[in-house]
């Protein structure tokens, strides 16, 4: 007796792209924005206490902003997916023949003959008509569908983790002449690690991933340092 084939459990990088994007972007944002903010405020001559409080305020505001932004954005995507799902469900109930013909045409466009495409469409419709149309017609797959709460929490947590390094450096070294010389390289090193990690997890070049975030991180810190210095001179 022939053995039944085993279920397909092969993992793919795209399976985790949603939380990966939110996590990496959140950590990068938290690190870059908080470090840049502290460097700019330090260049303006702020007191050690003001530096630490600025970092904490930046962490809280940034984490909440990231969470809100991700929630609204992904909720809109989820709303669209729900609307498309309901539309497909109605069409399958009201005009099943047209939907079957549409599915057959999709499979023909992918290279199947008319006869085989029709057979596949009929069997897939009998197995799971709605799921088949959502996947093959609209590209909506259950485990890849939008999850607003997950994206919001991942973004807020990642932003907070990224913002912790500059806050710890400010707490330990604020008021010292070496503050900027410690925070800047520490931030750039961690940015390079995050960029390389993102590239590795996404199957891309670790070097290119690191260079991208290093460039924009250095540019952000240089800009805020210059602005802080100008305001410090003006205030003095």
C-alpha atoms as a PDB file:
ATOM      1  CA  UNK A   1       0.000   0.000   0.000  1.00  0.00           C
ATOM      2  CA  UNK A   2       1.395   3.380  -0.978  1.00  0.00           C
ATOM      3  CA  UNK A   3       2.343   5.683   1.832  1.00  0.00           C
ATOM      4  CA  UNK A   4       0.602   9.008   2.175  1.00  0.00           C
ATOM      5  CA  UNK A   5       2.817  11.993   1.502  1.00  0.00           C
ATOM      6  CA  UNK A   6       3.856  14.008   4.514  1.00  0.00           C
ATOM      7  CA  UNK A   7       2.402  17.482   5.053  1.00  0.00           C
ATOM      8  CA  UNK A   8       4.469  20.316   3.647  1.00  0.00           C
ATOM      9  CA  UNK A   9       6.234  22.101   6.503  1.00  0.00           C
ATOM     10  CA  UNK A  10       9.106  23.782   4.691  1.00  0.00           C
ATOM     11  CA  UNK A  11       9.901  27.165   6.202  1.00  0.00           C
ATOM     12  CA  UNK A  12      10.395  30.301   4.142  1.00  0.00           C
ATOM     13  CA  UNK A  13      11.726  33.735   5.011  1.00  0.00           C
ATOM     14  CA  UNK A  14       8.490  35.355   3.869  1.00  0.00           C
ATOM     15  CA  UNK A  15       6.643  33.547   6.666  1.00  0.00           C
ATOM     16  CA  UNK A  16       8.128  35.967   9.201  1.00  0.00           C
ATOM     17  CA  UNK A  17       8.468  39.091   7.047  1.00  0.00           C
ATOM     18  CA  UNK A  18       5.678  40.930   8.877  1.00  0.00           C
ATOM     19  CA  UNK A  19       7.097  40.815  12.382  1.00  0.00           C
ATOM     20  CA  UNK A  20      10.665  40.997  11.040  1.00  0.00           C
ATOM     21  CA  UNK A  21       9.975  44.268   9.257  1.00  0.00           C
ATOM     22  CA  UNK A  22       8.277  45.799  12.279  1.00  0.00           C
ATOM     23  CA  UNK A  23      10.980  44.611  14.680  1.00  0.00           C
ATOM     24  CA  UNK A  24      14.009  45.688  12.649  1.00  0.00           C
ATOM     25  CA  UNK A  25      12.520  49.034  11.652  1.00  0.00           C
ATOM     26  CA  UNK A  26      11.433  49.688  15.223  1.00  0.00           C
ATOM     27  CA  UNK A  27      14.861  48.944  16.684  1.00  0.00           C
ATOM     28  CA  UNK A  28      16.643  51.016  14.044  1.00  0.00           C
ATOM     29  CA  UNK A  29      14.251  53.906  14.558  1.00  0.00           C
ATOM     30  CA  UNK A  30      14.591  53.791  18.327  1.00  0.00           C
ATOM     31  CA  UNK A  31      18.377  53.731  18.175  1.00  0.00           C
ATOM     32  CA  UNK A  32      18.811  56.392  15.505  1.00  0.00           C
ATOM     33  CA  UNK A  33      16.165  58.827  16.721  1.00  0.00           C
ATOM     34  CA  UNK A  34      17.094  58.650  20.408  1.00  0.00           C
ATOM     35  CA  UNK A  35      20.847  58.845  19.798  1.00  0.00           C
ATOM     36  CA  UNK A  36      20.379  61.743  17.383  1.00  0.00           C
ATOM     37  CA  UNK A  37      18.081  63.511  19.824  1.00  0.00           C
ATOM     38  CA  UNK A  38      20.540  63.165  22.703  1.00  0.00           C
ATOM     39  CA  UNK A  39      23.518  64.238  20.607  1.00  0.00           C
ATOM     40  CA  UNK A  40      21.645  67.328  19.440  1.00  0.00           C
ATOM     41  CA  UNK A  41      20.525  68.261  22.953  1.00  0.00           C
ATOM     42  CA  UNK A  42      24.030  67.637  24.334  1.00  0.00           C
ATOM     43  CA  UNK A  43      25.534  69.844  21.618  1.00  0.00           C
ATOM     44  CA  UNK A  44      23.193  72.618  22.748  1.00  0.00           C
ATOM     45  CA  UNK A  45      24.667  72.418  26.256  1.00  0.00           C
ATOM     46  CA  UNK A  46      21.891  70.604  28.130  1.00  0.00           C
ATOM     47  CA  UNK A  47      22.492  69.413  31.692  1.00  0.00           C
ATOM     48  CA  UNK A  48      23.001  65.694  32.466  1.00  0.00           C
ATOM     49  CA  UNK A  49      19.545  65.510  34.059  1.00  0.00           C
ATOM     50  CA  UNK A  50      17.958  67.127  31.012  1.00  0.00           C
ATOM     51  CA  UNK A  51      19.743  64.652  28.751  1.00  0.00           C
ATOM     52  CA  UNK A  52      18.434  61.618  30.594  1.00  0.00           C
ATOM     53  CA  UNK A  53      14.909  63.008  30.793  1.00  0.00           C
ATOM     54  CA  UNK A  54      15.022  63.839  27.082  1.00  0.00           C
ATOM     55  CA  UNK A  55      16.028  60.270  26.291  1.00  0.00           C
ATOM     56  CA  UNK A  56      13.242  58.763  28.417  1.00  0.00           C
ATOM     57  CA  UNK A  57      10.664  61.117  26.928  1.00  0.00           C
ATOM     58  CA  UNK A  58      11.905  60.264  23.444  1.00  0.00           C
ATOM     59  CA  UNK A  59      11.601  56.544  24.190  1.00  0.00           C
ATOM     60  CA  UNK A  60       8.027  56.796  25.467  1.00  0.00           C
ATOM     61  CA  UNK A  61       6.854  59.131  22.716  1.00  0.00           C
ATOM     62  CA  UNK A  62       8.610  57.173  19.981  1.00  0.00           C
ATOM     63  CA  UNK A  63       7.372  53.776  21.139  1.00  0.00           C
ATOM     64  CA  UNK A  64       3.777  54.985  21.339  1.00  0.00           C
ATOM     65  CA  UNK A  65       4.077  56.700  17.978  1.00  0.00           C
ATOM     66  CA  UNK A  66       5.475  53.576  16.343  1.00  0.00           C
ATOM     67  CA  UNK A  67       2.742  51.431  17.879  1.00  0.00           C
ATOM     68  CA  UNK A  68      -0.002  53.803  16.775  1.00  0.00           C
ATOM     69  CA  UNK A  69       1.406  54.118  13.270  1.00  0.00           C
ATOM     70  CA  UNK A  70       1.774  50.371  12.795  1.00  0.00           C
ATOM     71  CA  UNK A  71      -1.669  49.692  14.251  1.00  0.00           C
ATOM     72  CA  UNK A  72      -3.394  52.191  11.966  1.00  0.00           C
ATOM     73  CA  UNK A  73      -1.439  51.076   8.895  1.00  0.00           C
ATOM     74  CA  UNK A  74      -1.907  47.343   9.407  1.00  0.00           C
ATOM     75  CA  UNK A  75      -5.526  47.804  10.493  1.00  0.00           C
ATOM     76  CA  UNK A  76      -6.216  49.455   7.147  1.00  0.00           C
ATOM     77  CA  UNK A  77      -4.654  46.460   5.421  1.00  0.00           C
ATOM     78  CA  UNK A  78      -6.727  44.081   7.565  1.00  0.00           C
ATOM     79  CA  UNK A  79      -9.908  46.036   6.749  1.00  0.00           C
ATOM     80  CA  UNK A  80      -9.140  45.707   3.052  1.00  0.00           C
ATOM     81  CA  UNK A  81      -8.545  41.964   3.408  1.00  0.00           C
ATOM     82  CA  UNK A  82     -11.842  41.522   5.261  1.00  0.00           C
ATOM     83  CA  UNK A  83     -13.726  43.501   2.616  1.00  0.00           C
ATOM     84  CA  UNK A  84     -12.172  41.428  -0.174  1.00  0.00           C
ATOM     85  CA  UNK A  85     -13.000  38.225   1.696  1.00  0.00           C
ATOM     86  CA  UNK A  86     -16.654  39.188   2.048  1.00  0.00           C
ATOM     87  CA  UNK A  87     -16.798  40.203  -1.607  1.00  0.00           C
ATOM     88  CA  UNK A  88     -15.391  36.833  -2.699  1.00  0.00           C
ATOM     89  CA  UNK A  89     -17.810  34.970  -0.407  1.00  0.00           C
ATOM     90  CA  UNK A  90     -20.808  36.779  -1.954  1.00  0.00           C
ATOM     91  CA  UNK A  91     -19.591  36.164  -5.486  1.00  0.00           C
ATOM     92  CA  UNK A  92     -19.106  32.456  -4.791  1.00  0.00           C
ATOM     93  CA  UNK A  93     -22.665  32.237  -3.474  1.00  0.00           C
ATOM     94  CA  UNK A  94     -24.283  34.317  -6.209  1.00  0.00           C
ATOM     95  CA  UNK A  95     -22.323  33.326  -9.335  1.00  0.00           C
ATOM     96  CA  UNK A  96     -20.295  30.143  -8.734  1.00  0.00           C
ATOM     97  CA  UNK A  97     -20.022  29.352 -12.445  1.00  0.00           C
ATOM     98  CA  UNK A  98     -18.386  32.706 -13.203  1.00  0.00           C
ATOM     99  CA  UNK A  99     -16.002  32.279 -10.285  1.00  0.00           C
ATOM    100  CA  UNK A 100     -15.047  28.807 -11.486  1.00  0.00           C
ATOM    101  CA  UNK A 101     -14.374  30.195 -14.966  1.00  0.00           C
ATOM    102  CA  UNK A 102     -12.275  32.977 -13.443  1.00  0.00           C
ATOM    103  CA  UNK A 103     -10.227  30.472 -11.459  1.00  0.00           C
ATOM    104  CA  UNK A 104      -9.720  28.335 -14.557  1.00  0.00           C
ATOM    105  CA  UNK A 105      -8.433  31.373 -16.450  1.00  0.00           C
ATOM    106  CA  UNK A 106      -5.979  32.143 -13.640  1.00  0.00           C
ATOM    107  CA  UNK A 107      -4.508  28.644 -13.866  1.00  0.00           C
ATOM    108  CA  UNK A 108      -4.321  28.876 -17.647  1.00  0.00           C
ATOM    109  CA  UNK A 109      -2.343  32.109 -17.335  1.00  0.00           C
ATOM    110  CA  UNK A 110       0.091  30.225 -15.109  1.00  0.00           C
ATOM    111  CA  UNK A 111       0.776  27.713 -17.865  1.00  0.00           C
ATOM    112  CA  UNK A 112      -1.791  24.930 -17.523  1.00  0.00           C
ATOM    113  CA  UNK A 113      -3.794  23.676 -20.458  1.00  0.00           C
ATOM    114  CA  UNK A 114      -7.504  24.499 -20.531  1.00  0.00           C
ATOM    115  CA  UNK A 115      -8.518  20.961 -19.615  1.00  0.00           C
ATOM    116  CA  UNK A 116      -6.056  20.644 -16.740  1.00  0.00           C
ATOM    117  CA  UNK A 117      -6.794  24.178 -15.517  1.00  0.00           C
ATOM    118  CA  UNK A 118     -10.506  23.402 -15.400  1.00  0.00           C
ATOM    119  CA  UNK A 119      -9.889  20.131 -13.554  1.00  0.00           C
ATOM    120  CA  UNK A 120      -7.644  21.851 -11.000  1.00  0.00           C
ATOM    121  CA  UNK A 121     -10.139  24.681 -10.546  1.00  0.00           C
ATOM    122  CA  UNK A 122     -12.995  22.239  -9.965  1.00  0.00           C
ATOM    123  CA  UNK A 123     -11.063  20.160  -7.446  1.00  0.00           C
ATOM    124  CA  UNK A 124      -9.714  23.202  -5.572  1.00  0.00           C
ATOM    125  CA  UNK A 125     -13.199  24.709  -5.470  1.00  0.00           C
ATOM    126  CA  UNK A 126     -14.614  21.504  -4.041  1.00  0.00           C
ATOM    127  CA  UNK A 127     -11.875  21.412  -1.424  1.00  0.00           C
ATOM    128  CA  UNK A 128     -11.937  25.088  -0.306  1.00  0.00           C
ATOM    129  CA  UNK A 129     -13.533  27.525  -2.708  1.00  0.00           C
ATOM    130  CA  UNK A 130     -13.105  30.698  -0.640  1.00  0.00           C
ATOM    131  CA  UNK A 131      -9.568  29.943   0.478  1.00  0.00           C
ATOM    132  CA  UNK A 132      -8.547  29.100  -3.075  1.00  0.00           C
ATOM    133  CA  UNK A 133      -9.890  32.350  -4.501  1.00  0.00           C
ATOM    134  CA  UNK A 134      -8.353  34.421  -1.720  1.00  0.00           C
ATOM    135  CA  UNK A 135      -4.964  32.816  -2.305  1.00  0.00           C
ATOM    136  CA  UNK A 136      -4.841  32.450  -6.085  1.00  0.00           C
ATOM    137  CA  UNK A 137      -6.905  35.468  -7.126  1.00  0.00           C
ATOM    138  CA  UNK A 138      -6.082  38.035  -4.420  1.00  0.00           C
ATOM    139  CA  UNK A 139      -2.871  36.742  -2.875  1.00  0.00           C
ATOM    140  CA  UNK A 140      -4.306  36.627   0.657  1.00  0.00           C
ATOM    141  CA  UNK A 141      -2.889  33.737   2.676  1.00  0.00           C
ATOM    142  CA  UNK A 142      -4.075  33.003   6.199  1.00  0.00           C
ATOM    143  CA  UNK A 143      -0.731  32.987   7.996  1.00  0.00           C
ATOM    144  CA  UNK A 144       0.439  36.093   6.144  1.00  0.00           C
ATOM    145  CA  UNK A 145      -2.683  38.170   6.729  1.00  0.00           C
ATOM    146  CA  UNK A 146      -2.420  41.482   8.544  1.00  0.00           C
ATOM    147  CA  UNK A 147      -2.252  41.434  12.351  1.00  0.00           C
ATOM    148  CA  UNK A 148      -2.495  45.017  13.691  1.00  0.00           C
ATOM    149  CA  UNK A 149      -1.947  44.211  17.383  1.00  0.00           C
ATOM    150  CA  UNK A 150       1.078  42.026  16.700  1.00  0.00           C
ATOM    151  CA  UNK A 151       2.667  44.672  14.475  1.00  0.00           C
ATOM    152  CA  UNK A 152       1.972  47.468  16.990  1.00  0.00           C
ATOM    153  CA  UNK A 153       3.415  45.571  19.951  1.00  0.00           C
ATOM    154  CA  UNK A 154       6.460  44.433  17.972  1.00  0.00           C
ATOM    155  CA  UNK A 155       7.188  47.981  16.815  1.00  0.00           C
ATOM    156  CA  UNK A 156       6.799  49.514  20.282  1.00  0.00           C
ATOM    157  CA  UNK A 157       8.943  46.845  21.947  1.00  0.00           C
ATOM    158  CA  UNK A 158      11.639  47.023  19.287  1.00  0.00           C
ATOM    159  CA  UNK A 159      11.754  50.836  19.425  1.00  0.00           C
ATOM    160  CA  UNK A 160      12.131  50.695  23.217  1.00  0.00           C
ATOM    161  CA  UNK A 161      14.984  48.186  23.012  1.00  0.00           C
ATOM    162  CA  UNK A 162      16.764  50.292  20.396  1.00  0.00           C
ATOM    163  CA  UNK A 163      16.342  53.455  22.481  1.00  0.00           C
ATOM    164  CA  UNK A 164      17.763  51.879  25.650  1.00  0.00           C
ATOM    165  CA  UNK A 165      21.416  52.060  24.557  1.00  0.00           C
ATOM    166  CA  UNK A 166      21.603  55.845  24.151  1.00  0.00           C
ATOM    167  CA  UNK A 167      19.641  56.351  27.377  1.00  0.00           C
ATOM    168  CA  UNK A 168      22.055  54.119  29.322  1.00  0.00           C
ATOM    169  CA  UNK A 169      25.029  55.971  27.814  1.00  0.00           C
ATOM    170  CA  UNK A 170      23.438  59.298  28.757  1.00  0.00           C
ATOM    171  CA  UNK A 171      22.834  58.082  32.306  1.00  0.00           C
ATOM    172  CA  UNK A 172      26.449  56.936  32.687  1.00  0.00           C
ATOM    173  CA  UNK A 173      28.347  59.609  30.799  1.00  0.00           C
ATOM    174  CA  UNK A 174      26.115  62.715  30.521  1.00  0.00           C
ATOM    175  CA  UNK A 175      28.032  65.852  31.441  1.00  0.00           C
ATOM    176  CA  UNK A 176      31.383  64.347  30.491  1.00  0.00           C
ATOM    177  CA  UNK A 177      33.374  65.576  27.513  1.00  0.00           C
ATOM    178  CA  UNK A 178      33.537  62.016  26.198  1.00  0.00           C
ATOM    179  CA  UNK A 179      29.736  61.626  25.998  1.00  0.00           C
ATOM    180  CA  UNK A 180      29.432  62.221  22.260  1.00  0.00           C
ATOM    181  CA  UNK A 181      32.567  60.213  21.500  1.00  0.00           C
ATOM    182  CA  UNK A 182      31.094  57.229  23.337  1.00  0.00           C
ATOM    183  CA  UNK A 183      27.504  57.437  22.121  1.00  0.00           C
ATOM    184  CA  UNK A 184      28.284  57.969  18.440  1.00  0.00           C
ATOM    185  CA  UNK A 185      30.501  54.908  17.804  1.00  0.00           C
ATOM    186  CA  UNK A 186      28.348  52.721  20.083  1.00  0.00           C
ATOM    187  CA  UNK A 187      25.278  53.690  18.064  1.00  0.00           C
ATOM    188  CA  UNK A 188      27.004  53.110  14.729  1.00  0.00           C
ATOM    189  CA  UNK A 189      28.281  49.678  15.778  1.00  0.00           C
ATOM    190  CA  UNK A 190      24.826  48.557  16.913  1.00  0.00           C
ATOM    191  CA  UNK A 191      23.265  49.973  13.752  1.00  0.00           C
ATOM    192  CA  UNK A 192      25.700  47.963  11.665  1.00  0.00           C
ATOM    193  CA  UNK A 193      24.819  44.813  13.618  1.00  0.00           C
ATOM    194  CA  UNK A 194      21.081  45.422  13.152  1.00  0.00           C
ATOM    195  CA  UNK A 195      21.509  46.143   9.470  1.00  0.00           C
ATOM    196  CA  UNK A 196      23.601  43.021   8.930  1.00  0.00           C
ATOM    197  CA  UNK A 197      21.092  40.944  10.908  1.00  0.00           C
ATOM    198  CA  UNK A 198      18.212  42.274   8.833  1.00  0.00           C
ATOM    199  CA  UNK A 199      20.086  41.446   5.636  1.00  0.00           C
ATOM    200  CA  UNK A 200      20.911  37.935   6.842  1.00  0.00           C
ATOM    201  CA  UNK A 201      17.372  37.160   7.989  1.00  0.00           C
ATOM    202  CA  UNK A 202      15.948  38.513   4.736  1.00  0.00           C
ATOM    203  CA  UNK A 203      18.368  36.533   2.588  1.00  0.00           C
ATOM    204  CA  UNK A 204      20.128  39.686   1.331  1.00  0.00           C
ATOM    205  CA  UNK A 205      23.685  40.965   1.655  1.00  0.00           C
ATOM    206  CA  UNK A 206      24.711  41.584   5.277  1.00  0.00           C
ATOM    207  CA  UNK A 207      27.246  44.160   4.073  1.00  0.00           C
ATOM    208  CA  UNK A 208      24.675  46.177   2.123  1.00  0.00           C
ATOM    209  CA  UNK A 209      22.206  45.998   5.013  1.00  0.00           C
ATOM    210  CA  UNK A 210      24.814  47.327   7.425  1.00  0.00           C
ATOM    211  CA  UNK A 211      25.958  50.117   5.083  1.00  0.00           C
ATOM    212  CA  UNK A 212      22.414  51.367   4.506  1.00  0.00           C
ATOM    213  CA  UNK A 213      21.613  51.902   8.167  1.00  0.00           C
ATOM    214  CA  UNK A 214      25.114  53.203   8.930  1.00  0.00           C
ATOM    215  CA  UNK A 215      24.815  55.910   6.292  1.00  0.00           C
ATOM    216  CA  UNK A 216      21.433  57.197   7.398  1.00  0.00           C
ATOM    217  CA  UNK A 217      22.259  56.858  11.086  1.00  0.00           C
ATOM    218  CA  UNK A 218      25.458  58.868  10.720  1.00  0.00           C
ATOM    219  CA  UNK A 219      23.634  61.487   8.647  1.00  0.00           C
ATOM    220  CA  UNK A 220      20.891  61.861  11.271  1.00  0.00           C
ATOM    221  CA  UNK A 221      23.332  62.245  14.146  1.00  0.00           C
ATOM    222  CA  UNK A 222      25.486  64.729  12.208  1.00  0.00           C
ATOM    223  CA  UNK A 223      22.437  66.836  11.367  1.00  0.00           C
ATOM    224  CA  UNK A 224      21.118  66.974  14.940  1.00  0.00           C
ATOM    225  CA  UNK A 225      24.593  67.673  16.329  1.00  0.00           C
ATOM    226  CA  UNK A 226      24.931  70.612  13.952  1.00  0.00           C
ATOM    227  CA  UNK A 227      21.500  71.977  14.854  1.00  0.00           C
ATOM    228  CA  UNK A 228      22.171  71.573  18.565  1.00  0.00           C
ATOM    229  CA  UNK A 229      25.493  73.317  18.270  1.00  0.00           C
ATOM    230  CA  UNK A 230      23.926  76.249  16.410  1.00  0.00           C
ATOM    231  CA  UNK A 231      21.185  76.650  19.038  1.00  0.00           C
ATOM    232  CA  UNK A 232      23.735  76.333  21.820  1.00  0.00           C
ATOM    233  CA  UNK A 233      25.868  79.089  20.354  1.00  0.00           C
ATOM    234  CA  UNK A 234      22.813  81.272  19.822  1.00  0.00           C
ATOM    235  CA  UNK A 235      21.648  80.741  23.406  1.00  0.00           C
ATOM    236  CA  UNK A 236      25.106  81.483  24.748  1.00  0.00           C
END
